[in-house]
Amino acid sequence: MRLYLAGPFFDDEQVNRIERIEKALDANKTVSDYFSPRNSNVNDGTEIGSSQWSKDIFQLDVDEIKKADAVIAIIDYVDDNVDSGTAFEIGYAFAIGKPVVLFHEKEAIVNLMLSNGSKSYLTKVSDVESFDFEKMPEYHYEGEVF
C-alpha cells in the first residue's frame, strides 16, 4: 500500500507527531511507501513562498493523493479547528474515492464531516504501526461530534 500522510507541521509539537507517525509507517509491514509533504520539496528554482511555489506545492500534493492507495490524516486540533490544509486533503481524498484513516491523539471533539468521511479512526502511534492498511478494518470514532 502506498499512502499519503496528511497533517500539519507548523510547530514543534506537530513536527514531533508527524515524525512519530512516519516512524510507525516505516515499521508497518502493510505499507510499501508513503508520501509526507513535510519531506517534499519542489526544487525547480522557484522562490519558496512565491505564487509559483505555492501552485507547484499544491499540484504536487494533489498528484500524490491521486497516486496513493489511501490517506492517513493527522487531525491535530487547535481549539475546535483542524488544520485547513489537512481538511482539504481529507475531503479531496474522500471525493476521489481514496479511503481515509484518521489519527487523533489529542483530546477534542471531532468534526462530523471528518468522522463520517473516514474509514478508520486511530488514537495511538502503536495502532498506526500495527494497522492493516491492505485489509483496511473499520474503527469508527464514537465520541461527541460537532
N, C-alpha and C. Protein backbone atom coordinates (compact mmCIF):
# COMPACT_ATOMS: atom_id res chain seq x y z
N MET A 1 0.84 -1.19 0.00
CA MET A 1 0.00 0.00 0.00
C MET A 1 0.88 1.25 0.00
N ARG A 2 0.52 2.15 -0.87
CA ARG A 2 1.17 3.46 -0.91
C ARG A 2 0.22 4.46 -0.26
N LEU A 3 0.73 5.20 0.72
CA LEU A 3 -0.10 6.14 1.48
C LEU A 3 0.33 7.58 1.25
N TYR A 4 -0.60 8.45 1.52
CA TYR A 4 -0.34 9.89 1.59
C TYR A 4 -0.54 10.27 3.04
N LEU A 5 0.45 10.91 3.64
CA LEU A 5 0.36 11.33 5.04
C LEU A 5 0.01 12.81 5.11
N ALA A 6 -1.21 13.09 5.54
CA ALA A 6 -1.68 14.47 5.67
C ALA A 6 -1.58 14.89 7.13
N GLY A 7 -1.18 16.11 7.36
CA GLY A 7 -1.14 16.62 8.73
C GLY A 7 -0.32 17.89 8.81
N PRO A 8 -0.62 18.71 9.80
CA PRO A 8 0.11 19.98 9.95
C PRO A 8 1.51 19.76 10.52
N PHE A 9 2.43 20.64 10.15
CA PHE A 9 3.80 20.59 10.68
C PHE A 9 4.33 22.01 10.85
N PHE A 10 3.57 22.80 11.62
CA PHE A 10 3.87 24.22 11.78
C PHE A 10 4.53 24.57 13.10
N ASP A 11 4.56 23.65 14.05
CA ASP A 11 5.25 23.91 15.31
C ASP A 11 5.92 22.62 15.78
N ASP A 12 6.68 22.71 16.86
CA ASP A 12 7.45 21.56 17.33
C ASP A 12 6.57 20.37 17.70
N GLU A 13 5.44 20.62 18.33
CA GLU A 13 4.53 19.53 18.71
C GLU A 13 4.02 18.80 17.47
N GLN A 14 3.63 19.53 16.46
CA GLN A 14 3.11 18.93 15.23
C GLN A 14 4.21 18.17 14.48
N VAL A 15 5.40 18.73 14.41
CA VAL A 15 6.52 18.05 13.74
C VAL A 15 6.83 16.75 14.48
N ASN A 16 6.84 16.80 15.80
CA ASN A 16 7.09 15.60 16.60
C ASN A 16 6.05 14.53 16.29
N ARG A 17 4.78 14.93 16.20
CA ARG A 17 3.70 13.98 15.94
C ARG A 17 3.86 13.36 14.54
N ILE A 18 4.14 14.18 13.55
CA ILE A 18 4.35 13.67 12.19
C ILE A 18 5.54 12.70 12.16
N GLU A 19 6.62 13.06 12.83
CA GLU A 19 7.80 12.19 12.85
C GLU A 19 7.47 10.84 13.47
N ARG A 20 6.67 10.84 14.54
CA ARG A 20 6.30 9.57 15.18
C ARG A 20 5.42 8.73 14.26
N ILE A 21 4.54 9.38 13.50
CA ILE A 21 3.70 8.65 12.55
C ILE A 21 4.54 8.13 11.38
N GLU A 22 5.49 8.92 10.90
CA GLU A 22 6.38 8.46 9.83
C GLU A 22 7.14 7.20 10.29
N LYS A 23 7.64 7.19 11.51
CA LYS A 23 8.36 6.01 12.03
C LYS A 23 7.42 4.81 12.13
N ALA A 24 6.18 5.05 12.55
CA ALA A 24 5.20 3.96 12.63
C ALA A 24 4.90 3.41 11.24
N LEU A 25 4.80 4.28 10.25
CA LEU A 25 4.55 3.82 8.87
C LEU A 25 5.76 3.06 8.33
N ASP A 26 6.97 3.51 8.69
CA ASP A 26 8.18 2.80 8.28
C ASP A 26 8.18 1.37 8.83
N ALA A 27 7.65 1.19 10.03
CA ALA A 27 7.64 -0.12 10.69
C ALA A 27 6.44 -0.98 10.31
N ASN A 28 5.44 -0.39 9.65
CA ASN A 28 4.22 -1.12 9.30
C ASN A 28 4.47 -1.99 8.06
N LYS A 29 4.27 -3.30 8.22
CA LYS A 29 4.55 -4.25 7.14
C LYS A 29 3.57 -4.15 5.97
N THR A 30 2.43 -3.49 6.16
CA THR A 30 1.46 -3.38 5.06
C THR A 30 1.64 -2.09 4.26
N VAL A 31 2.61 -1.29 4.64
CA VAL A 31 2.88 -0.02 3.94
C VAL A 31 4.14 -0.19 3.11
N SER A 32 3.99 -0.09 1.79
CA SER A 32 5.16 -0.21 0.91
C SER A 32 5.88 1.12 0.77
N ASP A 33 5.12 2.21 0.83
CA ASP A 33 5.69 3.54 0.63
C ASP A 33 4.68 4.56 1.09
N TYR A 34 5.15 5.75 1.41
CA TYR A 34 4.24 6.84 1.73
C TYR A 34 4.87 8.17 1.33
N PHE A 35 4.01 9.11 1.05
CA PHE A 35 4.43 10.47 0.73
C PHE A 35 4.08 11.36 1.90
N SER A 36 5.07 12.07 2.42
CA SER A 36 4.86 13.02 3.50
C SER A 36 5.22 14.41 2.99
N PRO A 37 4.24 15.29 2.83
CA PRO A 37 4.52 16.63 2.31
C PRO A 37 5.60 17.37 3.10
N ARG A 38 5.73 17.03 4.38
CA ARG A 38 6.74 17.66 5.23
C ARG A 38 8.14 17.43 4.65
N ASN A 39 8.34 16.31 4.00
CA ASN A 39 9.66 15.96 3.47
C ASN A 39 9.79 16.24 1.98
N SER A 40 8.77 16.84 1.39
CA SER A 40 8.84 17.11 -0.05
C SER A 40 9.38 18.50 -0.29
N ASN A 41 9.90 18.67 -1.48
CA ASN A 41 10.44 19.97 -1.85
C ASN A 41 10.35 20.10 -3.36
N VAL A 42 9.74 21.16 -3.80
CA VAL A 42 9.72 21.45 -5.22
C VAL A 42 11.02 22.19 -5.50
N ASN A 43 11.89 21.54 -6.22
CA ASN A 43 13.22 22.09 -6.45
C ASN A 43 13.37 22.48 -7.91
N ASP A 44 12.55 23.44 -8.33
CA ASP A 44 12.63 23.86 -9.73
C ASP A 44 13.12 25.31 -9.86
N GLY A 45 13.73 25.80 -8.80
CA GLY A 45 14.28 27.15 -8.84
C GLY A 45 13.32 28.24 -8.41
N THR A 46 12.06 27.89 -8.14
CA THR A 46 11.12 28.92 -7.72
C THR A 46 11.40 29.32 -6.28
N GLU A 47 11.13 30.57 -5.99
CA GLU A 47 11.37 31.10 -4.65
C GLU A 47 10.33 30.56 -3.67
N ILE A 48 10.80 30.01 -2.54
CA ILE A 48 9.89 29.50 -1.52
C ILE A 48 8.99 30.63 -1.04
N GLY A 49 7.70 30.36 -1.04
CA GLY A 49 6.72 31.35 -0.63
C GLY A 49 6.12 32.13 -1.78
N SER A 50 6.69 31.98 -2.97
CA SER A 50 6.16 32.71 -4.13
C SER A 50 4.87 32.08 -4.61
N SER A 51 4.17 32.79 -5.46
CA SER A 51 2.92 32.31 -6.04
C SER A 51 3.16 31.02 -6.83
N GLN A 52 4.22 30.99 -7.62
CA GLN A 52 4.52 29.79 -8.41
C GLN A 52 4.86 28.62 -7.51
N TRP A 53 5.64 28.87 -6.46
CA TRP A 53 5.98 27.82 -5.49
C TRP A 53 4.71 27.24 -4.88
N SER A 54 3.77 28.09 -4.47
CA SER A 54 2.54 27.60 -3.84
C SER A 54 1.73 26.75 -4.83
N LYS A 55 1.69 27.15 -6.09
CA LYS A 55 0.99 26.36 -7.11
C LYS A 55 1.68 25.02 -7.32
N ASP A 56 3.00 25.03 -7.33
CA ASP A 56 3.75 23.79 -7.52
C ASP A 56 3.54 22.82 -6.35
N ILE A 57 3.57 23.34 -5.13
CA ILE A 57 3.35 22.50 -3.94
C ILE A 57 1.93 21.94 -3.97
N PHE A 58 0.96 22.78 -4.26
CA PHE A 58 -0.43 22.33 -4.35
C PHE A 58 -0.56 21.18 -5.35
N GLN A 59 -0.01 21.36 -6.54
CA GLN A 59 -0.13 20.34 -7.59
C GLN A 59 0.59 19.06 -7.20
N LEU A 60 1.76 19.19 -6.59
CA LEU A 60 2.50 18.01 -6.14
C LEU A 60 1.66 17.22 -5.13
N ASP A 61 1.09 17.91 -4.15
CA ASP A 61 0.31 17.23 -3.12
C ASP A 61 -0.94 16.56 -3.72
N VAL A 62 -1.64 17.25 -4.59
CA VAL A 62 -2.83 16.69 -5.23
C VAL A 62 -2.44 15.45 -6.05
N ASP A 63 -1.34 15.55 -6.79
CA ASP A 63 -0.88 14.40 -7.59
C ASP A 63 -0.52 13.22 -6.70
N GLU A 64 0.09 13.48 -5.56
CA GLU A 64 0.48 12.40 -4.65
C GLU A 64 -0.75 11.76 -3.99
N ILE A 65 -1.78 12.53 -3.71
CA ILE A 65 -3.02 11.95 -3.19
C ILE A 65 -3.62 11.02 -4.25
N LYS A 66 -3.61 11.45 -5.51
CA LYS A 66 -4.13 10.62 -6.60
C LYS A 66 -3.36 9.31 -6.72
N LYS A 67 -2.04 9.34 -6.54
CA LYS A 67 -1.20 8.15 -6.67
C LYS A 67 -1.34 7.20 -5.48
N ALA A 68 -1.79 7.72 -4.35
CA ALA A 68 -1.86 6.92 -3.13
C ALA A 68 -3.02 5.93 -3.18
N ASP A 69 -2.85 4.82 -2.46
CA ASP A 69 -3.95 3.86 -2.29
C ASP A 69 -4.90 4.32 -1.20
N ALA A 70 -4.36 5.07 -0.24
CA ALA A 70 -5.16 5.56 0.89
C ALA A 70 -4.45 6.77 1.50
N VAL A 71 -5.17 7.47 2.35
CA VAL A 71 -4.63 8.64 3.05
C VAL A 71 -4.71 8.39 4.54
N ILE A 72 -3.62 8.67 5.25
CA ILE A 72 -3.67 8.71 6.70
C ILE A 72 -3.53 10.19 7.08
N ALA A 73 -4.48 10.67 7.86
CA ALA A 73 -4.54 12.10 8.16
C ALA A 73 -4.49 12.33 9.67
N ILE A 74 -3.57 13.18 10.08
CA ILE A 74 -3.46 13.58 11.47
C ILE A 74 -4.40 14.75 11.69
N ILE A 75 -5.41 14.54 12.51
CA ILE A 75 -6.31 15.65 12.81
C ILE A 75 -5.87 16.23 14.15
N ASP A 76 -5.11 17.27 14.04
CA ASP A 76 -4.43 17.93 15.15
C ASP A 76 -5.14 19.25 15.42
N TYR A 77 -6.10 19.21 16.31
CA TYR A 77 -6.94 20.37 16.55
C TYR A 77 -6.22 21.47 17.32
N VAL A 78 -6.50 22.70 16.95
CA VAL A 78 -6.17 23.88 17.73
C VAL A 78 -7.51 24.51 18.04
N ASP A 79 -7.86 24.54 19.31
CA ASP A 79 -9.21 24.88 19.74
C ASP A 79 -10.17 23.87 19.09
N ASP A 80 -11.13 24.31 18.33
CA ASP A 80 -12.04 23.38 17.66
C ASP A 80 -11.79 23.29 16.16
N ASN A 81 -10.61 23.72 15.73
CA ASN A 81 -10.34 23.79 14.29
C ASN A 81 -9.19 22.88 13.89
N VAL A 82 -9.47 22.00 12.94
CA VAL A 82 -8.42 21.17 12.36
C VAL A 82 -7.69 22.01 11.31
N ASP A 83 -6.45 21.68 11.05
CA ASP A 83 -5.67 22.40 10.04
C ASP A 83 -6.42 22.42 8.71
N SER A 84 -6.55 23.57 8.10
CA SER A 84 -7.34 23.70 6.87
C SER A 84 -6.73 22.92 5.70
N GLY A 85 -5.41 22.86 5.60
CA GLY A 85 -4.80 22.09 4.53
C GLY A 85 -5.08 20.60 4.68
N THR A 86 -5.01 20.12 5.92
CA THR A 86 -5.32 18.72 6.19
C THR A 86 -6.78 18.43 5.89
N ALA A 87 -7.67 19.34 6.26
CA ALA A 87 -9.09 19.17 5.97
C ALA A 87 -9.32 19.09 4.45
N PHE A 88 -8.62 19.92 3.69
CA PHE A 88 -8.73 19.86 2.23
C PHE A 88 -8.27 18.50 1.73
N GLU A 89 -7.11 18.03 2.21
CA GLU A 89 -6.57 16.75 1.75
C GLU A 89 -7.53 15.60 2.05
N ILE A 90 -8.14 15.63 3.23
CA ILE A 90 -9.11 14.60 3.60
C ILE A 90 -10.31 14.65 2.66
N GLY A 91 -10.85 15.84 2.45
CA GLY A 91 -12.02 15.99 1.58
C GLY A 91 -11.73 15.60 0.15
N TYR A 92 -10.56 15.98 -0.35
CA TYR A 92 -10.19 15.63 -1.72
C TYR A 92 -10.05 14.12 -1.86
N ALA A 93 -9.38 13.50 -0.90
CA ALA A 93 -9.21 12.04 -0.95
C ALA A 93 -10.56 11.34 -0.94
N PHE A 94 -11.44 11.77 -0.07
CA PHE A 94 -12.78 11.18 0.01
C PHE A 94 -13.51 11.35 -1.34
N ALA A 95 -13.41 12.54 -1.92
CA ALA A 95 -14.13 12.83 -3.16
C ALA A 95 -13.65 11.97 -4.32
N ILE A 96 -12.38 11.57 -4.32
CA ILE A 96 -11.88 10.75 -5.42
C ILE A 96 -11.83 9.26 -5.05
N GLY A 97 -12.47 8.91 -3.95
CA GLY A 97 -12.63 7.50 -3.60
C GLY A 97 -11.47 6.85 -2.88
N LYS A 98 -10.60 7.65 -2.28
CA LYS A 98 -9.48 7.09 -1.52
C LYS A 98 -9.91 6.90 -0.07
N PRO A 99 -9.67 5.72 0.53
CA PRO A 99 -10.00 5.55 1.94
C PRO A 99 -9.14 6.46 2.81
N VAL A 100 -9.74 6.98 3.86
CA VAL A 100 -9.04 7.88 4.78
C VAL A 100 -9.02 7.25 6.16
N VAL A 101 -7.84 7.20 6.74
CA VAL A 101 -7.66 6.76 8.11
C VAL A 101 -7.27 7.99 8.91
N LEU A 102 -8.03 8.29 9.96
CA LEU A 102 -7.73 9.44 10.81
C LEU A 102 -6.86 9.01 11.97
N PHE A 103 -5.90 9.86 12.32
CA PHE A 103 -5.11 9.69 13.54
C PHE A 103 -5.35 10.91 14.41
N HIS A 104 -5.77 10.66 15.65
CA HIS A 104 -6.16 11.75 16.55
C HIS A 104 -5.80 11.37 17.97
N GLU A 105 -4.70 11.91 18.48
CA GLU A 105 -4.30 11.56 19.84
C GLU A 105 -4.61 12.64 20.85
N LYS A 106 -4.99 13.82 20.40
CA LYS A 106 -5.34 14.90 21.33
C LYS A 106 -6.81 14.78 21.73
N GLU A 107 -7.11 15.25 22.90
CA GLU A 107 -8.49 15.23 23.37
C GLU A 107 -9.25 16.41 22.76
N ALA A 108 -10.19 16.10 21.91
CA ALA A 108 -11.03 17.14 21.29
C ALA A 108 -12.21 16.45 20.62
N ILE A 109 -13.27 17.18 20.49
CA ILE A 109 -14.44 16.70 19.75
C ILE A 109 -14.08 16.69 18.27
N VAL A 110 -14.58 15.70 17.55
CA VAL A 110 -14.24 15.56 16.14
C VAL A 110 -15.38 16.10 15.26
N ASN A 111 -15.00 16.81 14.22
CA ASN A 111 -15.98 17.34 13.28
C ASN A 111 -16.67 16.17 12.58
N LEU A 112 -17.97 16.23 12.46
CA LEU A 112 -18.75 15.14 11.86
C LEU A 112 -18.37 14.87 10.40
N MET A 113 -17.92 15.86 9.68
CA MET A 113 -17.52 15.66 8.29
C MET A 113 -16.26 14.77 8.23
N LEU A 114 -15.38 14.93 9.20
CA LEU A 114 -14.18 14.11 9.24
C LEU A 114 -14.49 12.70 9.72
N SER A 115 -15.27 12.60 10.79
CA SER A 115 -15.56 11.27 11.34
C SER A 115 -16.38 10.43 10.37
N ASN A 116 -17.31 11.03 9.66
CA ASN A 116 -18.13 10.28 8.72
C ASN A 116 -17.45 10.07 7.36
N GLY A 117 -16.43 10.84 7.09
CA GLY A 117 -15.72 10.72 5.82
C GLY A 117 -14.51 9.81 5.90
N SER A 118 -14.34 9.14 7.04
CA SER A 118 -13.16 8.29 7.20
C SER A 118 -13.53 6.83 7.32
N LYS A 119 -12.60 5.99 6.99
CA LYS A 119 -12.77 4.54 7.07
C LYS A 119 -12.42 4.03 8.46
N SER A 120 -11.37 4.61 9.06
CA SER A 120 -10.93 4.18 10.38
C SER A 120 -10.44 5.37 11.18
N TYR A 121 -10.43 5.18 12.50
CA TYR A 121 -10.05 6.22 13.44
C TYR A 121 -9.08 5.61 14.44
N LEU A 122 -7.86 6.11 14.48
CA LEU A 122 -6.82 5.58 15.36
C LEU A 122 -6.36 6.66 16.33
N THR A 123 -5.98 6.24 17.54
CA THR A 123 -5.60 7.21 18.57
C THR A 123 -4.21 7.00 19.16
N LYS A 124 -3.55 5.93 18.78
CA LYS A 124 -2.21 5.65 19.33
C LYS A 124 -1.25 5.37 18.19
N VAL A 125 -0.02 5.83 18.35
CA VAL A 125 1.00 5.58 17.34
C VAL A 125 1.17 4.08 17.12
N SER A 126 1.10 3.31 18.19
CA SER A 126 1.22 1.85 18.06
C SER A 126 0.10 1.27 17.20
N ASP A 127 -1.08 1.91 17.21
CA ASP A 127 -2.17 1.47 16.34
C ASP A 127 -1.81 1.68 14.87
N VAL A 128 -1.13 2.78 14.57
CA VAL A 128 -0.71 3.06 13.19
C VAL A 128 0.33 2.02 12.75
N GLU A 129 1.25 1.69 13.65
CA GLU A 129 2.30 0.73 13.33
C GLU A 129 1.73 -0.65 13.01
N SER A 130 0.65 -1.03 13.70
CA SER A 130 0.10 -2.37 13.51
C SER A 130 -1.14 -2.42 12.61
N PHE A 131 -1.65 -1.28 12.17
CA PHE A 131 -2.86 -1.23 11.36
C PHE A 131 -2.64 -1.94 10.02
N ASP A 132 -3.62 -2.72 9.60
CA ASP A 132 -3.54 -3.43 8.32
C ASP A 132 -4.12 -2.53 7.23
N PHE A 133 -3.27 -1.79 6.57
CA PHE A 133 -3.72 -0.87 5.52
C PHE A 133 -4.20 -1.62 4.28
N GLU A 134 -3.84 -2.88 4.13
CA GLU A 134 -4.32 -3.66 2.99
C GLU A 134 -5.77 -4.09 3.20
N LYS A 135 -6.10 -4.58 4.38
CA LYS A 135 -7.47 -5.02 4.67
C LYS A 135 -8.35 -3.86 5.11
N MET A 136 -7.75 -2.80 5.61
CA MET A 136 -8.44 -1.57 6.00
C MET A 136 -9.65 -1.84 6.92
N PRO A 137 -9.40 -2.43 8.10
CA PRO A 137 -10.53 -2.66 9.02
C PRO A 137 -11.13 -1.33 9.47
N GLU A 138 -12.41 -1.36 9.76
CA GLU A 138 -13.10 -0.13 10.15
C GLU A 138 -13.15 0.00 11.66
N TYR A 139 -12.64 1.12 12.15
CA TYR A 139 -12.73 1.51 13.55
C TYR A 139 -13.24 2.95 13.52
N HIS A 140 -14.46 3.13 13.95
CA HIS A 140 -15.09 4.44 13.84
C HIS A 140 -15.01 5.24 15.13
N TYR A 141 -14.92 6.53 14.97
CA TYR A 141 -14.97 7.46 16.09
C TYR A 141 -16.37 7.38 16.70
N GLU A 142 -16.45 7.21 18.01
CA GLU A 142 -17.74 7.06 18.69
C GLU A 142 -18.07 8.20 19.64
N GLY A 143 -17.25 9.22 19.68
CA GLY A 143 -17.46 10.31 20.63
C GLY A 143 -18.40 11.38 20.12
N GLU A 144 -18.41 12.46 20.86
CA GLU A 144 -19.24 13.62 20.52
C GLU A 144 -18.70 14.27 19.26
N VAL A 145 -19.60 14.76 18.41
CA VAL A 145 -19.21 15.44 17.18
C VAL A 145 -19.78 16.85 17.15
N PHE A 146 -19.23 17.65 16.30
CA PHE A 146 -19.79 18.99 16.06
C PHE A 146 -19.86 19.22 14.58
